[in-house]
Protein backbone atom coordinates (compact mmCIF):
# COMPACT_ATOMS: atom_id res chain seq x y z
CA UNK A 1 31.76 10.74 42.12
CA UNK A 2 28.57 8.80 41.19
CA UNK A 3 27.66 8.57 37.52
CA UNK A 4 24.46 10.35 36.44
CA UNK A 5 22.90 7.75 34.13
CA UNK A 6 20.24 10.24 33.05
CA UNK A 7 22.85 12.60 31.64
CA UNK A 8 24.56 9.71 29.87
CA UNK A 9 21.27 8.78 28.18
CA UNK A 10 20.82 12.34 26.99
CA UNK A 11 24.36 12.37 25.58
CA UNK A 12 23.70 9.11 23.73
CA UNK A 13 20.61 10.46 22.01
CA UNK A 14 22.44 13.61 20.96
CA UNK A 15 25.35 11.51 19.64
CA UNK A 16 23.17 9.17 17.57
CA UNK A 17 20.64 11.75 16.30
CA UNK A 18 22.32 15.11 15.89
CA UNK A 19 23.22 16.01 12.29
CA UNK A 20 22.21 12.55 11.05
CA UNK A 21 19.92 11.68 8.16
CA UNK A 22 17.00 9.36 8.80
CA UNK A 23 18.17 6.63 6.46
CA UNK A 24 21.31 5.94 8.55
CA UNK A 25 19.47 5.61 11.86
CA UNK A 26 18.55 2.40 13.62
CA UNK A 27 15.02 1.04 13.28
CA UNK A 28 14.27 2.10 16.84
CA UNK A 29 15.30 5.72 16.29
CA UNK A 30 13.37 5.81 13.02
CA UNK A 31 10.26 4.70 14.88
CA UNK A 32 10.90 7.39 17.47
CA UNK A 33 11.07 10.09 14.80
CA UNK A 34 7.95 8.80 13.08
CA UNK A 35 6.02 8.98 16.34
CA UNK A 36 7.20 12.56 16.86
CA UNK A 37 7.04 14.00 13.34
CA UNK A 38 4.93 11.71 11.19
CA UNK A 39 6.53 12.17 7.77
CA UNK A 40 10.33 12.24 7.94
CA UNK A 41 12.32 13.47 4.94
CA UNK A 42 15.29 11.10 4.47
CA UNK A 43 17.30 13.82 2.72
CA UNK A 44 17.19 16.32 5.56
CA UNK A 45 19.35 16.31 8.67
CA UNK A 46 18.00 15.60 12.14
CA UNK A 47 19.18 17.96 14.88
CA UNK A 48 19.22 17.05 18.56
CA UNK A 49 20.44 18.90 21.65
CA UNK A 50 20.15 18.63 25.41
CA UNK A 51 17.89 21.07 27.18
CA UNK A 52 19.12 23.68 29.65
CA UNK A 53 17.26 24.51 32.86
CA UNK A 54 14.07 22.76 31.78
CA UNK A 55 12.01 20.71 34.21
CA UNK A 56 10.48 17.95 32.08
CA UNK A 57 12.08 17.87 28.60
CA UNK A 58 15.58 16.38 28.42
CA UNK A 59 16.27 16.76 24.70
CA UNK A 60 15.01 18.84 21.79
CA UNK A 61 14.79 17.17 18.37
CA UNK A 62 14.36 19.30 15.23
CA UNK A 63 13.36 18.17 11.74
CA UNK A 64 11.84 20.15 8.87
CA UNK A 65 11.99 23.29 11.05
CA UNK A 66 9.74 21.58 13.61
CA UNK A 67 10.97 21.10 17.19
CA UNK A 68 9.80 18.42 19.59
CA UNK A 69 10.74 18.40 23.27
CA UNK A 70 11.11 14.93 24.74
CA UNK A 71 11.31 13.68 28.32
CA UNK A 72 13.57 10.61 28.66
CA UNK A 73 12.87 7.86 31.18
CA UNK A 74 14.71 4.59 31.76
CA UNK A 75 15.34 2.03 34.46
CA UNK A 76 12.92 0.33 36.83
CA UNK A 77 11.82 3.27 38.92
CA UNK A 78 8.11 4.05 38.57
CA UNK A 79 8.44 7.49 40.19
CA UNK A 80 7.78 10.16 37.56
CA UNK A 81 7.61 13.30 39.65
CA UNK A 82 8.16 14.71 43.11
CA UNK A 83 7.56 18.08 44.67
CA UNK A 84 6.90 19.72 48.01
CA UNK A 85 3.46 18.88 49.40
CA UNK A 86 2.35 22.52 49.89
CA UNK A 87 2.51 23.65 46.22
CA UNK A 88 1.07 20.26 45.24
CA UNK A 89 -2.00 20.89 47.40
CA UNK A 90 -2.29 24.44 46.06
CA UNK A 91 -2.27 23.03 42.52
CA UNK A 92 -5.12 20.62 43.36
CA UNK A 93 -7.00 23.51 44.99
CA UNK A 94 -6.67 25.49 41.75
CA UNK A 95 -8.40 22.59 39.99
CA UNK A 96 -11.36 22.80 42.36
CA UNK A 97 -10.52 19.79 44.55
CA UNK A 98 -12.55 19.95 47.75
CA UNK A 99 -11.09 20.93 51.11
CA UNK A 100 -11.90 17.51 52.56
CA UNK A 101 -10.00 15.69 49.81
CA UNK A 102 -7.05 18.05 50.25
CA UNK A 103 -7.07 17.21 53.95
CA UNK A 104 -7.26 13.48 53.20
CA UNK A 105 -4.16 13.71 51.03
CA UNK A 106 -2.29 15.54 53.81
CA UNK A 107 -3.38 13.01 56.45
CA UNK A 108 -2.28 10.17 54.16
CA UNK A 109 0.99 11.90 53.32
CA UNK A 110 2.16 12.55 56.87
CA UNK A 111 0.58 9.44 58.37
CA UNK A 112 0.71 10.78 61.91
CA UNK A 113 -2.82 12.08 62.44
CA UNK A 114 -1.88 15.64 61.46
CA UNK A 115 -1.82 17.67 58.28
CA UNK A 116 1.60 19.19 58.89
CA UNK A 117 3.75 16.30 60.12
CA UNK A 118 3.85 17.31 63.80
CA UNK A 119 2.31 14.09 65.18
CA UNK A 120 4.35 11.88 67.51
CA UNK A 121 3.34 8.47 66.09
CA UNK A 122 3.98 7.87 62.37
CA UNK A 123 2.31 4.96 60.59
CA UNK A 124 3.37 2.93 57.55
CA UNK A 125 1.58 3.44 54.24
CA UNK A 126 -0.29 0.14 54.68
CA UNK A 127 -1.47 1.11 58.17
CA UNK A 128 -2.47 4.66 57.32
CA UNK A 129 -4.29 3.45 54.20
CA UNK A 130 -6.32 1.12 56.38
CA UNK A 131 -7.05 3.84 58.95
CA UNK A 132 -8.18 6.28 56.26
CA UNK A 133 -9.98 3.69 54.14
CA UNK A 134 -13.34 5.46 53.81
CA UNK A 135 -11.76 8.87 53.30
CA UNK A 136 -9.37 7.55 50.63
CA UNK A 137 -12.26 5.89 48.82
CA UNK A 138 -14.18 9.19 48.81
CA UNK A 139 -11.09 11.10 47.67
CA UNK A 140 -10.46 8.65 44.85
CA UNK A 141 -14.03 9.10 43.66
CA UNK A 142 -13.67 12.88 43.52
CA UNK A 143 -10.19 12.85 41.98
CA UNK A 144 -11.15 10.41 39.21
CA UNK A 145 -14.67 11.42 38.18
CA UNK A 146 -13.58 14.41 36.08
CA UNK A 147 -11.51 13.64 32.99
CA UNK A 148 -10.38 17.27 32.71
CA UNK A 149 -8.85 17.12 36.21
CA UNK A 150 -7.05 13.86 35.39
CA UNK A 151 -5.65 15.33 32.16
CA UNK A 152 -4.37 18.48 33.87
CA UNK A 153 -2.78 16.44 36.65
CA UNK A 154 -1.07 13.99 34.27
CA UNK A 155 0.15 16.90 32.12
CA UNK A 156 1.81 18.43 35.20
CA UNK A 157 3.41 15.16 36.27
CA UNK A 158 4.66 13.96 32.87
CA UNK A 159 4.81 16.80 30.36
CA UNK A 160 4.63 20.25 31.99
CA UNK A 161 6.26 20.30 35.41
CA UNK A 162 5.56 22.88 38.10
CA UNK A 163 6.75 26.05 36.31
CA UNK A 164 4.07 27.39 33.94
CA UNK A 165 6.71 29.45 32.10
CA UNK A 166 9.07 26.51 31.42
CA UNK A 167 9.27 24.59 28.15
CA UNK A 168 6.83 21.67 28.12
CA UNK A 169 7.49 18.18 26.79
CA UNK A 170 5.66 17.04 23.67
CA UNK A 171 6.33 13.37 24.37
CA UNK A 172 7.86 10.94 26.84
CA UNK A 173 10.29 8.25 25.73
CA UNK A 174 10.92 5.16 27.82
CA UNK A 175 14.04 3.12 27.07
CA UNK A 176 17.43 3.82 25.50
CA UNK A 177 18.79 4.41 22.00
CA UNK A 178 18.65 0.70 21.21
CA UNK A 179 15.10 -0.06 22.34
CA UNK A 180 12.24 2.06 23.61
CA UNK A 181 8.76 3.46 23.10
CA UNK A 182 7.38 6.94 22.55
CA UNK A 183 4.13 8.25 23.99
CA UNK A 184 3.01 11.67 22.79
CA UNK A 185 0.76 14.05 24.67
CA UNK A 186 -2.03 13.22 22.20
CA UNK A 187 -1.68 9.48 22.78
CA UNK A 188 -1.74 10.01 26.54
CA UNK A 189 -4.98 11.97 26.33
CA UNK A 190 -6.57 9.17 24.31
CA UNK A 191 -5.50 6.64 26.92
CA UNK A 192 -6.82 8.70 29.82
CA UNK A 193 -10.19 9.11 28.10
CA UNK A 194 -10.49 5.41 27.27
CA UNK A 195 -10.06 4.05 30.80
CA UNK A 196 -12.11 3.93 33.98
CA UNK A 197 -9.70 4.95 36.75
CA UNK A 198 -11.98 4.28 39.70
CA UNK A 199 -10.82 0.69 40.22
CA UNK A 200 -7.59 1.49 42.13
CA UNK A 201 -7.82 1.20 45.92
CA UNK A 202 -4.63 3.20 46.54
CA UNK A 203 -4.77 7.00 46.61
CA UNK A 204 -4.40 8.03 42.98
CA UNK A 205 -5.35 10.37 40.16
CA UNK A 206 -5.81 8.54 36.87
CA UNK A 207 -2.98 6.02 36.39
CA UNK A 208 -0.69 7.83 38.85
CA UNK A 209 -0.53 6.97 42.55
CA UNK A 210 0.58 9.21 45.40
CA UNK A 211 2.99 8.41 48.22
CA UNK A 212 5.21 10.22 50.72
CA UNK A 213 8.85 10.80 49.87
CA UNK A 214 9.80 9.41 53.28
CA UNK A 215 7.68 8.32 56.26
CA UNK A 216 10.40 7.61 58.86
CA UNK A 217 8.27 5.10 60.75
CA UNK A 218 9.75 4.21 64.15
CA UNK A 219 12.98 6.08 63.40
CA UNK A 220 14.25 9.66 63.56
CA UNK A 221 13.61 12.06 60.69
CA UNK A 222 16.90 12.47 58.82
CA UNK A 223 15.75 14.65 55.91
CA UNK A 224 13.04 17.16 56.74
CA UNK A 225 12.64 18.26 53.13
CA UNK A 226 12.02 14.70 51.97
CA UNK A 227 9.44 14.32 54.73
CA UNK A 228 7.46 17.13 53.07
CA UNK A 229 7.96 15.75 49.53
CA UNK A 230 5.18 13.91 47.74
CA UNK A 231 6.07 11.36 45.07
CA UNK A 232 3.91 10.50 42.08
CA UNK A 233 4.45 7.05 40.62
CA UNK A 234 2.85 4.97 37.89
CA UNK A 235 2.40 1.26 38.71
CA UNK A 236 3.27 -0.96 35.69
CA UNK A 237 4.72 2.11 34.00
CA UNK A 238 6.94 0.26 31.49
CA UNK A 239 4.18 -2.13 30.41
CA UNK A 240 1.60 0.66 30.12
CA UNK A 241 3.95 2.83 28.08
CA UNK A 242 4.37 0.03 25.56
CA UNK A 243 0.61 -0.55 25.46
CA UNK A 244 -0.18 3.14 24.89
CA UNK A 245 2.44 3.52 22.17
CA UNK A 246 0.95 0.60 20.23
CA UNK A 247 -2.75 1.11 21.01
CA UNK A 248 -3.19 4.80 20.18
CA UNK A 249 -1.67 5.88 16.90
CA UNK A 250 -1.15 9.57 16.22
CA UNK A 251 0.20 9.23 12.70
CA UNK A 252 -0.80 6.86 9.94
CA UNK A 253 1.77 7.68 7.30
CA UNK A 254 4.60 5.36 6.24
CA UNK A 255 7.87 6.21 7.98
CA UNK A 256 9.98 7.26 5.03
CA UNK A 257 8.11 9.05 2.31
CA UNK A 258 9.40 10.73 -0.75
CA UNK A 259 9.79 14.41 -0.08
CA UNK A 260 7.07 16.52 -1.76
CA UNK A 261 8.05 18.13 -5.03
CA UNK A 262 9.20 21.71 -4.72
């Protein structure tokens, strides 16, 4: 049976954080807690547990009766989210995205001249990008001119997931227990507001690009569900995470402070 490295990472964080005091933690985990909580009381225990049936958060960390839900990412994959194309389009429609841009995304996704994947000739991403060049440029302009739309999209991909009733992540952590960086929702919003996202040529919303889960060019379709799955990936994700974590501070207090007098 293959090993689920994601579950192992979650177990590691629970092992090293749960029922531990801050002063016995590694420098990396101390920095993680500071990014999440600001002031950390060295005399109080940290509590950490894995989440159950949540979409984005993997662990819950509690300190001073405050809980933070954290999404854990590691490895080289830049794919942050995938879902079926139909609810994805409905989500964009709810944000006011035009019918033409919705159609452009579907034409790009299926790459066969149709908006439902029924075409006979399927093209590679490079070829379909070239064929739809003007339409993709127009779509990129619409999708990246409104900061509010970008923020709502990035929230869905990174922090919220597709279920509005599910627990949302407060932060994303990239790395492992030994080395990593934290980006909070607040830091992400600062980053999105500070950048001009119109420079990408690929189909994208903010820093996140769109691609098909599987195109099956010149070969039979083996997984119909994957054919209808859209993937959202962040080019240079690891480097950008490190930049955001250092560039946009959310807290300005020293890590370990003396607990306030009672």
